[in-house]
Amino acid sequence: MRLTINGKSHEVDVDPTTPLLWVIREQVGLTGTKYGCGIAQCGACTVHMNGLPVRSCSIPVSAASGAKITTIEGLASGKTLHKVQKAWIDHDVPQCGYCQSGMIMAVAALLRTNPKPSDADIDAAITNICRCGTFQQVREAIHAAAKAA
């Protein structure tokens, strides 16, 4: 099966029912996407598939064939951080950091479709779970990223 991840083509030989998350991590070697719950609830495994945020732990790799997949490793443009990544650093969002790659991917997708989200928009769209409870910093960083050029 051929996958396009972060603009690069990857040939993988796996069972078509293998979750995309495990192919990204184990076959392709991109470990920024994390395993959290395995049932698409926590969002640690969020990646973009054709520009939309998906929870890769619940997507069979066969559904991703032919799709354009972006992981946290592909969000920046060269050495220039994505505005959400920059806002995360500027607002000291991560504590343990485990959920942050999925959270950043979900927020980047939100800002692509809703460049100036309200708090209600954020609450509705960002359902990722942070066990450290950095939700206030997350909200501040989202608003800062929305204001960034």
Protein backbone atom coordinates (compact mmCIF):
# COMPACT_ATOMS: atom_id res chain seq x y z
CA MET A 1 0.00 0.00 0.00
CA ARG A 2 1.25 3.50 -0.83
CA LEU A 3 0.75 6.37 1.63
CA THR A 4 1.58 10.03 1.24
CA ILE A 5 2.68 11.40 4.60
CA ASN A 6 4.03 14.92 4.97
CA GLY A 7 4.44 15.13 1.21
CA LYS A 8 6.55 11.98 0.93
CA SER A 9 5.46 8.69 -0.55
CA HIS A 10 5.81 5.57 1.61
CA GLU A 11 5.29 1.99 0.52
CA VAL A 12 4.06 -0.14 3.43
CA ASP A 13 3.30 -3.84 3.61
CA VAL A 14 0.73 -4.22 6.39
CA ASP A 15 -2.66 -5.75 6.99
CA PRO A 16 -5.22 -3.27 5.56
CA THR A 17 -7.05 -3.21 8.91
CA THR A 18 -3.96 -1.99 10.80
CA PRO A 19 -4.71 1.37 12.42
CA LEU A 20 -3.09 4.28 10.60
CA LEU A 21 -1.47 5.34 13.89
CA TRP A 22 0.63 2.18 14.07
CA VAL A 23 1.69 2.43 10.44
CA ILE A 24 2.78 6.05 10.95
CA ARG A 25 4.74 5.17 14.08
CA GLU A 26 6.05 1.66 13.43
CA GLN A 27 6.37 1.41 9.64
CA VAL A 28 7.15 5.01 8.68
CA GLY A 29 9.00 5.91 11.90
CA LEU A 30 7.24 9.20 12.69
CA THR A 31 6.70 9.02 16.43
CA GLY A 32 5.27 12.50 17.10
CA THR A 33 1.75 11.11 16.74
CA LYS A 34 0.94 9.46 20.05
CA TYR A 35 -1.17 6.53 21.21
CA GLY A 36 -3.51 7.60 23.99
CA CYS A 37 -6.69 5.59 24.35
CA GLY A 38 -7.06 3.49 21.20
CA ILE A 39 -10.78 4.30 20.91
CA ALA A 40 -10.67 7.75 19.25
CA GLN A 41 -11.67 9.60 22.40
CA CYS A 42 -8.58 11.42 23.69
CA GLY A 43 -7.18 12.89 20.46
CA ALA A 44 -3.49 12.24 21.14
CA CYS A 45 -3.30 10.50 17.75
CA THR A 46 -4.85 13.33 15.70
CA VAL A 47 -3.40 13.81 12.22
CA HIS A 48 -4.78 15.52 9.12
CA MET A 49 -6.15 13.39 6.33
CA ASN A 50 -6.88 15.47 3.23
CA GLY A 51 -6.80 18.52 5.49
CA LEU A 52 -9.31 17.22 8.04
CA PRO A 53 -8.43 16.19 11.58
CA VAL A 54 -8.84 12.46 12.19
CA ARG A 55 -8.02 10.20 15.10
CA SER A 56 -5.53 7.86 13.52
CA CYS A 57 -5.97 5.09 16.09
CA SER A 58 -9.42 4.35 14.65
CA ILE A 59 -8.70 4.75 10.91
CA PRO A 60 -7.67 1.56 9.09
CA VAL A 61 -4.65 2.15 6.89
CA SER A 62 -6.71 1.01 3.90
CA ALA A 63 -8.89 4.15 4.32
CA ALA A 64 -5.78 6.33 4.11
CA SER A 65 -4.46 4.93 0.84
CA GLY A 66 -4.42 7.76 -1.69
CA ALA A 67 -5.06 10.41 0.98
CA LYS A 68 -2.73 13.26 1.84
CA ILE A 69 -1.70 12.72 5.48
CA THR A 70 0.00 15.34 7.61
CA THR A 71 1.48 14.56 11.01
CA ILE A 72 2.95 16.92 13.60
CA GLU A 73 6.34 16.42 11.91
CA GLY A 74 4.94 17.89 8.69
CA LEU A 75 3.08 20.86 10.15
CA ALA A 76 6.01 23.29 10.16
CA SER A 77 7.30 24.71 6.91
CA GLY A 78 10.98 23.80 6.95
CA LYS A 79 12.44 25.46 10.03
CA THR A 80 9.50 27.87 10.33
CA LEU A 81 7.05 26.70 12.95
CA HIS A 82 3.34 26.70 12.21
CA LYS A 83 1.62 29.58 14.00
CA VAL A 84 -0.08 27.12 16.38
CA GLN A 85 3.25 25.54 17.31
CA LYS A 86 4.69 28.99 17.95
CA ALA A 87 1.68 30.00 20.09
CA TRP A 88 2.06 26.76 22.09
CA ILE A 89 5.64 27.69 22.95
CA ASP A 90 4.88 31.36 23.59
CA HIS A 91 2.05 30.46 26.01
CA ASP A 92 3.83 27.58 27.78
CA VAL A 93 1.00 25.18 26.98
CA PRO A 94 2.61 21.76 27.50
CA GLN A 95 3.27 20.26 30.88
CA CYS A 96 3.93 16.58 30.24
CA GLY A 97 3.44 17.25 26.51
CA TYR A 98 2.04 13.83 25.65
CA CYS A 99 -1.26 15.04 24.19
CA GLN A 100 0.14 18.17 22.60
CA SER A 101 0.91 16.95 19.08
CA GLY A 102 -2.68 15.79 18.65
CA MET A 103 -4.01 18.98 20.22
CA ILE A 104 -1.87 21.15 17.93
CA MET A 105 -3.08 19.21 14.87
CA ALA A 106 -6.72 19.65 15.92
CA VAL A 107 -6.22 23.38 16.49
CA ALA A 108 -4.42 23.87 13.16
CA ALA A 109 -7.39 22.26 11.40
CA LEU A 110 -9.85 24.44 13.35
CA LEU A 111 -8.03 27.65 12.41
CA ARG A 112 -7.93 26.60 8.76
CA THR A 113 -11.75 26.42 8.66
CA ASN A 114 -12.50 29.06 11.32
CA PRO A 115 -9.68 31.63 11.47
CA LYS A 116 -11.22 33.62 14.37
CA PRO A 117 -12.95 31.08 16.62
CA SER A 118 -14.95 32.11 19.67
CA ASP A 119 -14.58 30.27 22.96
CA ALA A 120 -17.76 28.33 22.07
CA ASP A 121 -16.26 27.38 18.70
CA ILE A 122 -13.11 26.16 20.43
CA ASP A 123 -15.12 24.14 22.96
CA ALA A 124 -17.14 22.51 20.17
CA ALA A 125 -14.20 21.71 17.89
CA ILE A 126 -11.35 20.84 20.26
CA THR A 127 -12.41 17.72 22.12
CA ASN A 128 -8.88 16.47 22.77
CA ILE A 129 -8.14 15.54 26.36
CA CYS A 130 -5.20 16.93 28.34
CA ARG A 131 -4.69 15.05 31.59
CA CYS A 132 -2.49 17.88 32.91
CA GLY A 133 -5.40 20.30 32.57
CA THR A 134 -3.72 23.00 30.50
CA PHE A 135 -7.01 23.97 28.86
CA GLN A 136 -6.75 27.66 29.84
CA GLN A 137 -3.31 27.91 28.24
CA VAL A 138 -4.66 26.03 25.20
CA ARG A 139 -7.46 28.58 24.78
CA GLU A 140 -5.00 31.50 25.15
CA ALA A 141 -2.67 29.95 22.59
CA ILE A 142 -5.53 29.35 20.14
CA HIS A 143 -6.60 32.99 20.34
CA ALA A 144 -2.96 34.11 19.93
CA ALA A 145 -2.51 31.87 16.88
CA ALA A 146 -5.75 33.23 15.42
CA LYS A 147 -4.35 36.76 15.71
CA ALA A 148 -0.96 35.80 14.20
CA ALA A 149 -0.26 36.48 10.54
